[in-house]
Amino acid sequence: MTASRTGPLGGRPAATTRGRLSAVAIELFTTQGFDETSVDDIAAAAGIARRTLFRYYPSKNSLAWGEFDEHLRGLHSLLAETPDDVQLGESLTRALVQFNEVPEEMIEQHRSRMALLLGVPALQAHSMIMYADWRQVIAEHSAARLGLQAGDHLPQTIAWMTLGTALAAYDQWLLDPASDLTELLQSGGRTLVDGVGSLAAH
């Protein structure tokens, strides 16, 4: 992803109403606690009515994800733009790295968002629904490259492996603030490309 596409497994700066509402929610969730923050609290902090907020987001859980549908379209575009002569695993790694590039001024908000998504039980459960759509984009790209159907076992396996690569990178990034997210994604991507069998035995 380019610097304009940042967020949970992709996102972007809060330049739209939906983006701004998500940013307000993330700040409140981080400072007050997810369970302790109500939809009314978020609406009040954003200066809008509760019913207006629900025009942009269907639930409190979805607020933490920001403009996720737009991000998925961005991921699809990144993969579609990959030249055909680039190996499948490499195309997935490149897309992961680009999709998760975060502008310097957005890093702390992005870290807060991901800490919520990976650490709050209610959001972890909701994440499985969101990640299913993310995996489907990966599966469709993989299936097109392999001459298979997106629902076939191999494309679905690749999609789960790619998601795991991204989540493992984020887990380490949250544990160690000094770590570099891009390097973690690239390192995980090498294992995705080469496979576990290529790793030296210890």
N, C-alpha and C. Protein backbone atom coordinates (compact mmCIF):
# COMPACT_ATOMS: atom_id res chain seq x y z
N MET A 1 0.80 -1.17 0.00
CA MET A 1 0.00 0.00 0.00
C MET A 1 0.85 1.24 0.00
N THR A 2 0.39 2.28 -0.62
CA THR A 2 1.12 3.53 -0.60
C THR A 2 0.90 4.22 0.72
N ALA A 3 1.59 5.34 0.92
CA ALA A 3 1.48 6.04 2.20
C ALA A 3 0.07 6.55 2.46
N SER A 4 -0.77 6.62 1.43
CA SER A 4 -2.14 7.08 1.64
C SER A 4 -3.07 5.96 2.07
N ARG A 5 -2.59 4.71 2.05
CA ARG A 5 -3.42 3.57 2.43
C ARG A 5 -2.86 2.93 3.69
N THR A 6 -3.31 3.34 4.84
CA THR A 6 -2.81 2.73 6.07
C THR A 6 -3.97 2.32 6.96
N GLY A 7 -3.82 1.29 7.77
CA GLY A 7 -4.89 0.89 8.67
C GLY A 7 -4.73 -0.54 9.13
N PRO A 8 -5.81 -1.18 9.71
CA PRO A 8 -5.68 -2.51 10.22
C PRO A 8 -5.54 -3.49 9.09
N LEU A 9 -4.34 -4.01 8.93
CA LEU A 9 -4.08 -4.73 7.70
C LEU A 9 -4.46 -3.80 6.59
N GLY A 10 -4.17 -2.48 6.83
CA GLY A 10 -4.44 -1.45 5.87
C GLY A 10 -5.38 -0.41 6.41
N GLY A 11 -5.20 0.86 6.08
CA GLY A 11 -6.06 1.94 6.51
C GLY A 11 -5.61 3.22 5.87
N ARG A 12 -5.99 4.36 6.41
CA ARG A 12 -5.55 5.63 5.86
C ARG A 12 -5.81 6.76 6.85
N PRO A 13 -5.15 7.91 6.67
CA PRO A 13 -5.42 9.03 7.55
C PRO A 13 -6.90 9.39 7.55
N ALA A 14 -7.39 9.95 8.66
CA ALA A 14 -8.81 10.22 8.83
C ALA A 14 -9.24 11.47 8.06
N ALA A 15 -9.33 11.36 6.75
CA ALA A 15 -9.68 12.50 5.90
C ALA A 15 -11.17 12.55 5.61
N THR A 16 -11.91 11.49 5.93
CA THR A 16 -13.34 11.43 5.67
C THR A 16 -14.10 11.38 6.99
N THR A 17 -15.41 11.54 6.92
CA THR A 17 -16.22 11.47 8.13
C THR A 17 -16.08 10.11 8.80
N ARG A 18 -16.12 9.03 8.00
CA ARG A 18 -15.98 7.69 8.57
C ARG A 18 -14.60 7.53 9.22
N GLY A 19 -13.59 8.03 8.57
CA GLY A 19 -12.24 7.95 9.13
C GLY A 19 -12.11 8.73 10.41
N ARG A 20 -12.73 9.91 10.44
CA ARG A 20 -12.64 10.75 11.64
C ARG A 20 -13.39 10.09 12.80
N LEU A 21 -14.55 9.53 12.54
CA LEU A 21 -15.31 8.85 13.59
C LEU A 21 -14.52 7.67 14.16
N SER A 22 -13.87 6.92 13.29
CA SER A 22 -13.05 5.81 13.76
C SER A 22 -11.91 6.30 14.62
N ALA A 23 -11.27 7.40 14.22
CA ALA A 23 -10.16 7.95 15.00
C ALA A 23 -10.63 8.39 16.39
N VAL A 24 -11.80 9.02 16.44
CA VAL A 24 -12.36 9.45 17.73
C VAL A 24 -12.63 8.22 18.61
N ALA A 25 -13.21 7.19 18.01
CA ALA A 25 -13.52 5.97 18.76
C ALA A 25 -12.26 5.30 19.29
N ILE A 26 -11.25 5.21 18.46
CA ILE A 26 -10.00 4.56 18.89
C ILE A 26 -9.38 5.30 20.06
N GLU A 27 -9.40 6.62 20.02
CA GLU A 27 -8.84 7.40 21.12
C GLU A 27 -9.61 7.13 22.41
N LEU A 28 -10.93 7.10 22.33
CA LEU A 28 -11.74 6.84 23.52
C LEU A 28 -11.56 5.42 24.02
N PHE A 29 -11.55 4.47 23.10
CA PHE A 29 -11.35 3.07 23.49
C PHE A 29 -10.00 2.90 24.20
N THR A 30 -8.99 3.61 23.71
CA THR A 30 -7.64 3.48 24.27
C THR A 30 -7.53 4.13 25.64
N THR A 31 -8.15 5.29 25.80
CA THR A 31 -8.02 6.04 27.05
C THR A 31 -9.01 5.61 28.12
N GLN A 32 -10.22 5.22 27.71
CA GLN A 32 -11.27 4.88 28.66
C GLN A 32 -11.50 3.38 28.81
N GLY A 33 -11.10 2.62 27.79
CA GLY A 33 -11.39 1.20 27.75
C GLY A 33 -12.53 0.93 26.78
N PHE A 34 -12.46 -0.20 26.08
CA PHE A 34 -13.48 -0.50 25.07
C PHE A 34 -14.84 -0.71 25.72
N ASP A 35 -14.90 -1.55 26.74
CA ASP A 35 -16.18 -1.86 27.38
C ASP A 35 -16.77 -0.64 28.08
N GLU A 36 -15.89 0.24 28.54
CA GLU A 36 -16.36 1.41 29.29
C GLU A 36 -16.82 2.55 28.39
N THR A 37 -16.56 2.46 27.10
CA THR A 37 -16.94 3.51 26.16
C THR A 37 -18.21 3.13 25.42
N SER A 38 -19.20 3.98 25.48
CA SER A 38 -20.47 3.71 24.81
C SER A 38 -20.52 4.40 23.45
N VAL A 39 -21.47 3.98 22.64
CA VAL A 39 -21.69 4.64 21.36
C VAL A 39 -22.07 6.09 21.60
N ASP A 40 -22.84 6.35 22.64
CA ASP A 40 -23.21 7.73 22.96
C ASP A 40 -21.98 8.57 23.28
N ASP A 41 -21.01 7.99 23.98
CA ASP A 41 -19.76 8.70 24.28
C ASP A 41 -19.05 9.11 22.98
N ILE A 42 -18.99 8.18 22.04
CA ILE A 42 -18.30 8.45 20.78
C ILE A 42 -19.03 9.51 19.98
N ALA A 43 -20.34 9.39 19.92
CA ALA A 43 -21.13 10.38 19.18
C ALA A 43 -20.96 11.78 19.79
N ALA A 44 -20.98 11.84 21.11
CA ALA A 44 -20.82 13.13 21.77
C ALA A 44 -19.44 13.72 21.50
N ALA A 45 -18.40 12.89 21.57
CA ALA A 45 -17.04 13.37 21.32
C ALA A 45 -16.87 13.85 19.89
N ALA A 46 -17.62 13.23 18.97
CA ALA A 46 -17.53 13.60 17.55
C ALA A 46 -18.46 14.75 17.21
N GLY A 47 -19.33 15.11 18.16
CA GLY A 47 -20.25 16.22 17.92
C GLY A 47 -21.39 15.89 16.98
N ILE A 48 -21.84 14.62 17.02
CA ILE A 48 -22.94 14.21 16.16
C ILE A 48 -23.97 13.44 16.99
N ALA A 49 -25.13 13.20 16.41
CA ALA A 49 -26.16 12.43 17.10
C ALA A 49 -25.86 10.94 16.98
N ARG A 50 -26.36 10.18 17.93
CA ARG A 50 -26.17 8.73 17.93
C ARG A 50 -26.68 8.12 16.62
N ARG A 51 -27.85 8.54 16.17
CA ARG A 51 -28.42 7.98 14.94
C ARG A 51 -27.57 8.32 13.72
N THR A 52 -26.89 9.47 13.76
CA THR A 52 -26.01 9.85 12.66
C THR A 52 -24.80 8.92 12.61
N LEU A 53 -24.26 8.60 13.78
CA LEU A 53 -23.11 7.70 13.83
C LEU A 53 -23.46 6.35 13.19
N PHE A 54 -24.68 5.87 13.45
CA PHE A 54 -25.06 4.58 12.91
C PHE A 54 -25.30 4.60 11.40
N ARG A 55 -25.34 5.77 10.82
CA ARG A 55 -25.39 5.86 9.36
C ARG A 55 -24.03 5.50 8.75
N TYR A 56 -22.98 5.69 9.54
CA TYR A 56 -21.62 5.42 9.06
C TYR A 56 -21.11 4.05 9.50
N TYR A 57 -21.51 3.60 10.69
CA TYR A 57 -21.04 2.33 11.23
C TYR A 57 -22.21 1.57 11.83
N PRO A 58 -22.32 0.28 11.52
CA PRO A 58 -23.46 -0.49 12.02
C PRO A 58 -23.36 -0.89 13.49
N SER A 59 -22.15 -0.82 14.06
CA SER A 59 -21.99 -1.28 15.44
C SER A 59 -20.76 -0.61 16.07
N LYS A 60 -20.69 -0.70 17.37
CA LYS A 60 -19.52 -0.20 18.10
C LYS A 60 -18.27 -0.96 17.69
N ASN A 61 -18.38 -2.26 17.51
CA ASN A 61 -17.22 -3.06 17.12
C ASN A 61 -16.63 -2.61 15.78
N SER A 62 -17.48 -2.25 14.85
CA SER A 62 -17.00 -1.91 13.51
C SER A 62 -16.25 -0.59 13.48
N LEU A 63 -16.45 0.26 14.49
CA LEU A 63 -15.76 1.56 14.51
C LEU A 63 -14.25 1.42 14.55
N ALA A 64 -13.76 0.41 15.25
CA ALA A 64 -12.32 0.23 15.37
C ALA A 64 -11.66 -0.13 14.04
N TRP A 65 -12.45 -0.61 13.08
CA TRP A 65 -11.91 -1.04 11.80
C TRP A 65 -11.80 0.09 10.78
N GLY A 66 -12.45 1.20 11.03
CA GLY A 66 -12.36 2.31 10.09
C GLY A 66 -12.97 1.97 8.74
N GLU A 67 -12.34 2.46 7.69
CA GLU A 67 -12.89 2.32 6.33
C GLU A 67 -12.44 1.00 5.69
N PHE A 68 -12.88 -0.08 6.30
CA PHE A 68 -12.35 -1.40 5.93
C PHE A 68 -12.70 -1.81 4.51
N ASP A 69 -13.91 -1.51 4.06
CA ASP A 69 -14.31 -1.88 2.70
C ASP A 69 -13.41 -1.21 1.66
N GLU A 70 -13.09 0.06 1.91
CA GLU A 70 -12.19 0.77 1.01
C GLU A 70 -10.80 0.15 1.03
N HIS A 71 -10.37 -0.29 2.20
CA HIS A 71 -9.05 -0.90 2.32
C HIS A 71 -8.98 -2.21 1.55
N LEU A 72 -10.06 -2.97 1.59
CA LEU A 72 -10.09 -4.23 0.85
C LEU A 72 -9.99 -3.97 -0.65
N ARG A 73 -10.66 -2.93 -1.12
CA ARG A 73 -10.55 -2.60 -2.54
C ARG A 73 -9.12 -2.20 -2.88
N GLY A 74 -8.46 -1.53 -1.94
CA GLY A 74 -7.06 -1.18 -2.15
C GLY A 74 -6.17 -2.40 -2.23
N LEU A 75 -6.41 -3.39 -1.37
CA LEU A 75 -5.64 -4.63 -1.41
C LEU A 75 -5.86 -5.35 -2.73
N HIS A 76 -7.10 -5.41 -3.16
CA HIS A 76 -7.41 -6.04 -4.44
C HIS A 76 -6.67 -5.36 -5.58
N SER A 77 -6.63 -4.03 -5.56
CA SER A 77 -5.94 -3.29 -6.61
C SER A 77 -4.44 -3.55 -6.60
N LEU A 78 -3.86 -3.60 -5.39
CA LEU A 78 -2.43 -3.88 -5.28
C LEU A 78 -2.08 -5.22 -5.90
N LEU A 79 -2.87 -6.22 -5.61
CA LEU A 79 -2.61 -7.55 -6.15
C LEU A 79 -2.85 -7.59 -7.66
N ALA A 80 -3.88 -6.90 -8.12
CA ALA A 80 -4.19 -6.89 -9.55
C ALA A 80 -3.10 -6.20 -10.35
N GLU A 81 -2.41 -5.25 -9.72
CA GLU A 81 -1.36 -4.51 -10.42
C GLU A 81 -0.03 -5.24 -10.48
N THR A 82 0.08 -6.38 -9.78
CA THR A 82 1.32 -7.14 -9.76
C THR A 82 1.57 -7.78 -11.13
N PRO A 83 2.75 -7.58 -11.73
CA PRO A 83 3.05 -8.21 -13.03
C PRO A 83 2.95 -9.72 -12.95
N ASP A 84 2.53 -10.34 -14.03
CA ASP A 84 2.34 -11.79 -14.05
C ASP A 84 3.63 -12.57 -13.85
N ASP A 85 4.78 -11.93 -14.14
CA ASP A 85 6.03 -12.67 -14.00
C ASP A 85 6.57 -12.66 -12.57
N VAL A 86 5.84 -12.01 -11.65
CA VAL A 86 6.23 -12.03 -10.24
C VAL A 86 5.61 -13.26 -9.59
N GLN A 87 6.45 -14.06 -8.93
CA GLN A 87 6.00 -15.30 -8.30
C GLN A 87 4.89 -15.00 -7.28
N LEU A 88 3.96 -15.95 -7.12
CA LEU A 88 2.79 -15.73 -6.28
C LEU A 88 3.15 -15.29 -4.86
N GLY A 89 4.05 -16.04 -4.23
CA GLY A 89 4.43 -15.68 -2.87
C GLY A 89 5.03 -14.30 -2.77
N GLU A 90 5.83 -13.94 -3.76
CA GLU A 90 6.44 -12.61 -3.78
C GLU A 90 5.37 -11.54 -3.97
N SER A 91 4.38 -11.82 -4.82
CA SER A 91 3.31 -10.83 -5.03
C SER A 91 2.52 -10.61 -3.75
N LEU A 92 2.30 -11.66 -2.98
CA LEU A 92 1.59 -11.53 -1.72
C LEU A 92 2.41 -10.75 -0.70
N THR A 93 3.71 -11.02 -0.66
CA THR A 93 4.58 -10.30 0.27
C THR A 93 4.64 -8.82 -0.06
N ARG A 94 4.80 -8.50 -1.33
CA ARG A 94 4.83 -7.10 -1.74
C ARG A 94 3.54 -6.39 -1.36
N ALA A 95 2.41 -7.06 -1.60
CA ALA A 95 1.12 -6.45 -1.28
C ALA A 95 0.98 -6.25 0.23
N LEU A 96 1.42 -7.23 1.03
CA LEU A 96 1.37 -7.09 2.48
C LEU A 96 2.14 -5.87 2.96
N VAL A 97 3.35 -5.72 2.43
CA VAL A 97 4.20 -4.62 2.86
C VAL A 97 3.60 -3.28 2.44
N GLN A 98 3.19 -3.17 1.19
CA GLN A 98 2.62 -1.92 0.70
C GLN A 98 1.31 -1.59 1.40
N PHE A 99 0.48 -2.62 1.59
CA PHE A 99 -0.84 -2.42 2.19
C PHE A 99 -0.74 -1.92 3.63
N ASN A 100 0.34 -2.27 4.30
CA ASN A 100 0.49 -1.92 5.71
C ASN A 100 1.51 -0.82 5.97
N GLU A 101 1.90 -0.10 4.93
CA GLU A 101 2.75 1.06 5.14
C GLU A 101 1.97 2.12 5.90
N VAL A 102 2.62 2.72 6.89
CA VAL A 102 1.96 3.68 7.76
C VAL A 102 2.74 4.99 7.76
N PRO A 103 2.11 6.11 7.40
CA PRO A 103 2.81 7.39 7.47
C PRO A 103 3.28 7.66 8.89
N GLU A 104 4.41 8.30 9.03
CA GLU A 104 5.02 8.54 10.34
C GLU A 104 4.04 9.15 11.33
N GLU A 105 3.24 10.11 10.85
CA GLU A 105 2.33 10.81 11.75
C GLU A 105 1.14 9.95 12.20
N MET A 106 0.97 8.78 11.56
CA MET A 106 -0.16 7.92 11.90
C MET A 106 0.25 6.68 12.69
N ILE A 107 1.53 6.52 12.97
CA ILE A 107 2.01 5.28 13.57
C ILE A 107 1.38 5.01 14.93
N GLU A 108 1.32 6.02 15.80
CA GLU A 108 0.79 5.78 17.14
C GLU A 108 -0.69 5.45 17.11
N GLN A 109 -1.45 6.13 16.25
CA GLN A 109 -2.86 5.79 16.13
C GLN A 109 -3.04 4.38 15.58
N HIS A 110 -2.19 4.03 14.62
CA HIS A 110 -2.26 2.70 14.04
C HIS A 110 -1.92 1.64 15.09
N ARG A 111 -0.92 1.93 15.91
CA ARG A 111 -0.55 1.00 16.98
C ARG A 111 -1.71 0.83 17.96
N SER A 112 -2.37 1.93 18.29
CA SER A 112 -3.52 1.85 19.20
C SER A 112 -4.64 1.03 18.60
N ARG A 113 -4.89 1.24 17.30
CA ARG A 113 -5.94 0.48 16.62
C ARG A 113 -5.66 -1.02 16.66
N MET A 114 -4.43 -1.38 16.32
CA MET A 114 -4.09 -2.79 16.26
C MET A 114 -4.05 -3.43 17.65
N ALA A 115 -3.64 -2.66 18.67
CA ALA A 115 -3.66 -3.17 20.03
C ALA A 115 -5.09 -3.50 20.45
N LEU A 116 -6.03 -2.68 20.03
CA LEU A 116 -7.44 -2.94 20.32
C LEU A 116 -7.93 -4.18 19.58
N LEU A 117 -7.66 -4.23 18.28
CA LEU A 117 -8.17 -5.33 17.46
C LEU A 117 -7.61 -6.68 17.89
N LEU A 118 -6.37 -6.68 18.34
CA LEU A 118 -5.73 -7.95 18.72
C LEU A 118 -5.83 -8.24 20.21
N GLY A 119 -6.28 -7.26 21.00
CA GLY A 119 -6.26 -7.44 22.44
C GLY A 119 -7.59 -7.41 23.16
N VAL A 120 -8.63 -6.87 22.53
CA VAL A 120 -9.94 -6.77 23.17
C VAL A 120 -10.79 -7.97 22.75
N PRO A 121 -11.24 -8.80 23.70
CA PRO A 121 -11.98 -10.01 23.34
C PRO A 121 -13.16 -9.78 22.40
N ALA A 122 -13.95 -8.76 22.65
CA ALA A 122 -15.11 -8.50 21.78
C ALA A 122 -14.68 -8.17 20.37
N LEU A 123 -13.57 -7.47 20.23
CA LEU A 123 -13.07 -7.12 18.90
C LEU A 123 -12.37 -8.30 18.25
N GLN A 124 -11.77 -9.16 19.04
CA GLN A 124 -11.14 -10.37 18.47
C GLN A 124 -12.20 -11.23 17.79
N ALA A 125 -13.35 -11.38 18.43
CA ALA A 125 -14.42 -12.17 17.85
C ALA A 125 -14.93 -11.53 16.56
N HIS A 126 -15.10 -10.22 16.58
CA HIS A 126 -15.57 -9.50 15.40
C HIS A 126 -14.52 -9.56 14.28
N SER A 127 -13.26 -9.62 14.67
CA SER A 127 -12.18 -9.65 13.69
C SER A 127 -12.26 -10.87 12.79
N MET A 128 -12.72 -11.99 13.30
CA MET A 128 -12.82 -13.19 12.48
C MET A 128 -13.74 -12.97 11.29
N ILE A 129 -14.79 -12.18 11.50
CA ILE A 129 -15.71 -11.86 10.41
C ILE A 129 -15.01 -10.97 9.39
N MET A 130 -14.29 -9.98 9.88
CA MET A 130 -13.62 -9.03 9.00
C MET A 130 -12.48 -9.71 8.23
N TYR A 131 -11.73 -10.56 8.93
CA TYR A 131 -10.61 -11.23 8.28
C TYR A 131 -11.06 -12.21 7.21
N ALA A 132 -12.28 -12.71 7.32
CA ALA A 132 -12.79 -13.62 6.29
C ALA A 132 -12.85 -12.91 4.94
N ASP A 133 -13.28 -11.64 4.95
CA ASP A 133 -13.32 -10.87 3.70
C ASP A 133 -11.91 -10.58 3.20
N TRP A 134 -10.99 -10.31 4.12
CA TRP A 134 -9.60 -10.04 3.76
C TRP A 134 -8.98 -11.28 3.12
N ARG A 135 -9.23 -12.44 3.74
CA ARG A 135 -8.68 -13.68 3.21
C ARG A 135 -9.25 -13.98 1.83
N GLN A 136 -10.51 -13.62 1.61
CA GLN A 136 -11.12 -13.92 0.33
C GLN A 136 -10.42 -13.18 -0.81
N VAL A 137 -9.98 -11.96 -0.55
CA VAL A 137 -9.23 -11.21 -1.56
C VAL A 137 -7.94 -11.96 -1.92
N ILE A 138 -7.25 -12.46 -0.89
CA ILE A 138 -6.01 -13.22 -1.11
C ILE A 138 -6.32 -14.51 -1.86
N ALA A 139 -7.38 -15.20 -1.46
CA ALA A 139 -7.74 -16.47 -2.09
C ALA A 139 -8.09 -16.27 -3.56
N GLU A 140 -8.80 -15.21 -3.88
CA GLU A 140 -9.18 -14.96 -5.27
C GLU A 140 -7.95 -14.68 -6.13
N HIS A 141 -7.01 -13.91 -5.59
CA HIS A 141 -5.78 -13.64 -6.33
C HIS A 141 -4.98 -14.92 -6.54
N SER A 142 -4.86 -15.72 -5.48
CA SER A 142 -4.10 -16.97 -5.57
C SER A 142 -4.75 -17.94 -6.54
N ALA A 143 -6.07 -18.03 -6.48
CA ALA A 143 -6.79 -18.95 -7.37
C ALA A 143 -6.61 -18.55 -8.83
N ALA A 144 -6.65 -17.25 -9.10
CA ALA A 144 -6.47 -16.77 -10.48
C ALA A 144 -5.09 -17.14 -10.99
N ARG A 145 -4.08 -17.04 -10.11
CA ARG A 145 -2.71 -17.38 -10.51
C ARG A 145 -2.54 -18.88 -10.73
N LEU A 146 -3.28 -19.68 -9.97
CA LEU A 146 -3.09 -21.13 -9.99
C LEU A 146 -4.09 -21.86 -10.88
N GLY A 147 -5.02 -21.13 -11.46
CA GLY A 147 -6.02 -21.76 -12.30
C GLY A 147 -7.02 -22.59 -11.50
N LEU A 148 -7.34 -22.13 -10.28
CA LEU A 148 -8.25 -22.85 -9.40
C LEU A 148 -9.43 -21.95 -9.03
N GLN A 149 -10.35 -22.48 -8.23
CA GLN A 149 -11.45 -21.69 -7.70
C GLN A 149 -11.04 -21.12 -6.34
N ALA A 150 -11.54 -19.93 -6.01
CA ALA A 150 -11.16 -19.28 -4.76
C ALA A 150 -11.50 -20.12 -3.53
N GLY A 151 -12.56 -20.93 -3.64
CA GLY A 151 -12.95 -21.75 -2.51
C GLY A 151 -12.20 -23.06 -2.39
N ASP A 152 -11.31 -23.34 -3.34
CA ASP A 152 -10.54 -24.58 -3.28
C ASP A 152 -9.55 -24.56 -2.11
N HIS A 153 -9.13 -25.75 -1.72
CA HIS A 153 -8.29 -25.88 -0.53
C HIS A 153 -6.98 -25.10 -0.62
N LEU A 154 -6.29 -25.19 -1.73
CA LEU A 154 -4.99 -24.54 -1.84
C LEU A 154 -5.08 -23.02 -1.75
N PRO A 155 -5.95 -22.35 -2.51
CA PRO A 155 -6.07 -20.89 -2.36
C PRO A 155 -6.48 -20.48 -0.94
N GLN A 156 -7.36 -21.27 -0.32
CA GLN A 156 -7.78 -20.95 1.04
C GLN A 156 -6.63 -21.14 2.03
N THR A 157 -5.81 -22.17 1.80
CA THR A 157 -4.64 -22.38 2.66
C THR A 157 -3.67 -21.21 2.54
N ILE A 158 -3.43 -20.77 1.32
CA ILE A 158 -2.54 -19.64 1.09
C ILE A 158 -3.09 -18.39 1.77
N ALA A 159 -4.40 -18.20 1.70
CA ALA A 159 -5.03 -17.03 2.32
C ALA A 159 -4.84 -17.04 3.84
N TRP A 160 -5.04 -18.21 4.45
CA TRP A 160 -4.82 -18.32 5.89
C TRP A 160 -3.35 -18.09 6.25
N MET A 161 -2.44 -18.62 5.46
CA MET A 161 -1.02 -18.43 5.71
C MET A 161 -0.64 -16.96 5.61
N THR A 162 -1.20 -16.27 4.63
CA THR A 162 -0.88 -14.85 4.44
C THR A 162 -1.42 -14.03 5.59
N LEU A 163 -2.63 -14.34 6.03
CA LEU A 163 -3.18 -13.64 7.20
C LEU A 163 -2.32 -13.89 8.43
N GLY A 164 -1.91 -15.14 8.62
CA GLY A 164 -1.05 -15.46 9.76
C GLY A 164 0.27 -14.70 9.72
N THR A 165 0.82 -14.55 8.53
CA THR A 165 2.06 -13.79 8.36
C THR A 165 1.88 -12.35 8.83
N ALA A 166 0.77 -11.76 8.43
CA ALA A 166 0.50 -10.37 8.81
C ALA A 166 0.26 -10.24 10.31
N LEU A 167 -0.54 -11.13 10.87
CA LEU A 167 -0.87 -11.03 12.29
C LEU A 167 0.34 -11.30 13.18
N ALA A 168 1.20 -12.23 12.77
CA ALA A 168 2.42 -12.50 13.55
C ALA A 168 3.32 -11.27 13.56
N ALA A 169 3.40 -10.57 12.43
CA ALA A 169 4.20 -9.35 12.36
C ALA A 169 3.63 -8.29 13.29
N TYR A 170 2.31 -8.13 13.27
CA TYR A 170 1.69 -7.13 14.14
C TYR A 170 1.85 -7.49 15.62
N ASP A 171 1.75 -8.76 15.94
CA ASP A 171 1.92 -9.19 17.32
C ASP A 171 3.30 -8.81 17.84
N GLN A 172 4.33 -9.06 17.05
CA GLN A 172 5.70 -8.70 17.45
C GLN A 172 5.88 -7.19 17.50
N TRP A 173 5.27 -6.49 16.57
CA TRP A 173 5.38 -5.02 16.51
C TRP A 173 4.77 -4.39 17.76
N LEU A 174 3.65 -4.93 18.23
CA LEU A 174 3.02 -4.41 19.42
C LEU A 174 3.81 -4.75 20.68
N LEU A 175 4.45 -5.90 20.69
CA LEU A 175 5.25 -6.31 21.85
C LEU A 175 6.52 -5.48 21.97
N ASP A 176 7.08 -5.07 20.84
CA ASP A 176 8.35 -4.35 20.83
C ASP A 176 8.21 -3.05 20.04
N PRO A 177 7.95 -1.92 20.71
CA PRO A 177 7.76 -0.65 20.02
C PRO A 177 8.95 -0.23 19.16
N ALA A 178 10.13 -0.79 19.46
CA ALA A 178 11.33 -0.43 18.69
C ALA A 178 11.44 -1.22 17.39
N SER A 179 10.61 -2.22 17.23
CA SER A 179 10.69 -3.05 16.02
C SER A 179 10.13 -2.32 14.82
N ASP A 180 10.47 -2.81 13.65
CA ASP A 180 10.05 -2.20 12.40
C ASP A 180 9.00 -3.10 11.74
N LEU A 181 7.81 -2.58 11.55
CA LEU A 181 6.72 -3.38 11.01
C LEU A 181 7.03 -3.88 9.61
N THR A 182 7.62 -3.04 8.79
CA THR A 182 7.95 -3.46 7.42
C THR A 182 8.93 -4.62 7.42
N GLU A 183 9.95 -4.54 8.27
CA GLU A 183 10.93 -5.62 8.35
C GLU A 183 10.28 -6.92 8.83
N LEU A 184 9.37 -6.82 9.77
CA LEU A 184 8.69 -8.00 10.27
C LEU A 184 7.83 -8.64 9.19
N LEU A 185 7.15 -7.81 8.41
CA LEU A 185 6.33 -8.32 7.31
C LEU A 185 7.19 -8.97 6.23
N GLN A 186 8.32 -8.33 5.94
CA GLN A 186 9.22 -8.90 4.93
C GLN A 186 9.82 -10.21 5.40
N SER A 187 10.20 -10.28 6.67
CA SER A 187 10.77 -11.51 7.22
C SER A 187 9.74 -12.64 7.18
N GLY A 188 8.52 -12.33 7.62
CA GLY A 188 7.47 -13.33 7.56
C GLY A 188 7.16 -13.72 6.13
N GLY A 189 7.23 -12.75 5.23
CA GLY A 189 6.98 -13.01 3.83
C GLY A 189 7.99 -13.98 3.23
N ARG A 190 9.23 -13.92 3.70
CA ARG A 190 10.24 -14.85 3.19
C ARG A 190 9.89 -16.29 3.56
N THR A 191 9.36 -16.47 4.76
CA THR A 191 8.93 -17.81 5.16
C THR A 191 7.72 -18.23 4.34
N LEU A 192 6.84 -17.28 4.06
CA LEU A 192 5.68 -17.55 3.22
C LEU A 192 6.11 -18.00 1.83
N VAL A 193 7.14 -17.34 1.29
CA VAL A 193 7.61 -17.66 -0.05
C VAL A 193 8.39 -18.98 -0.07
N ASP A 194 9.32 -19.15 0.86
CA ASP A 194 10.26 -20.29 0.83
C ASP A 194 9.73 -21.53 1.54
N GLY A 195 8.83 -21.33 2.49
CA GLY A 195 8.28 -22.47 3.24
C GLY A 195 9.11 -22.83 4.45
N VAL A 196 8.50 -23.53 5.37
CA VAL A 196 9.17 -23.92 6.61
C VAL A 196 10.35 -24.83 6.35
N GLY A 197 10.27 -25.64 5.31
CA GLY A 197 11.34 -26.58 5.02
C GLY A 197 12.65 -25.93 4.68
N SER A 198 12.59 -24.65 4.29
CA SER A 198 13.83 -23.94 3.91
C SER A 198 14.60 -23.41 5.12
N LEU A 199 13.97 -23.44 6.29
CA LEU A 199 14.59 -22.88 7.49
C LEU A 199 15.65 -23.84 8.01
N ALA A 200 16.76 -23.26 8.51
CA ALA A 200 17.83 -24.07 9.07
C ALA A 200 17.38 -24.73 10.36
N ALA A 201 17.77 -25.97 10.55
CA ALA A 201 17.41 -26.69 11.78
C ALA A 201 18.25 -26.19 12.94
N HIS A 202 17.65 -26.13 14.11
CA HIS A 202 18.38 -25.70 15.31
C HIS A 202 18.24 -26.77 16.38
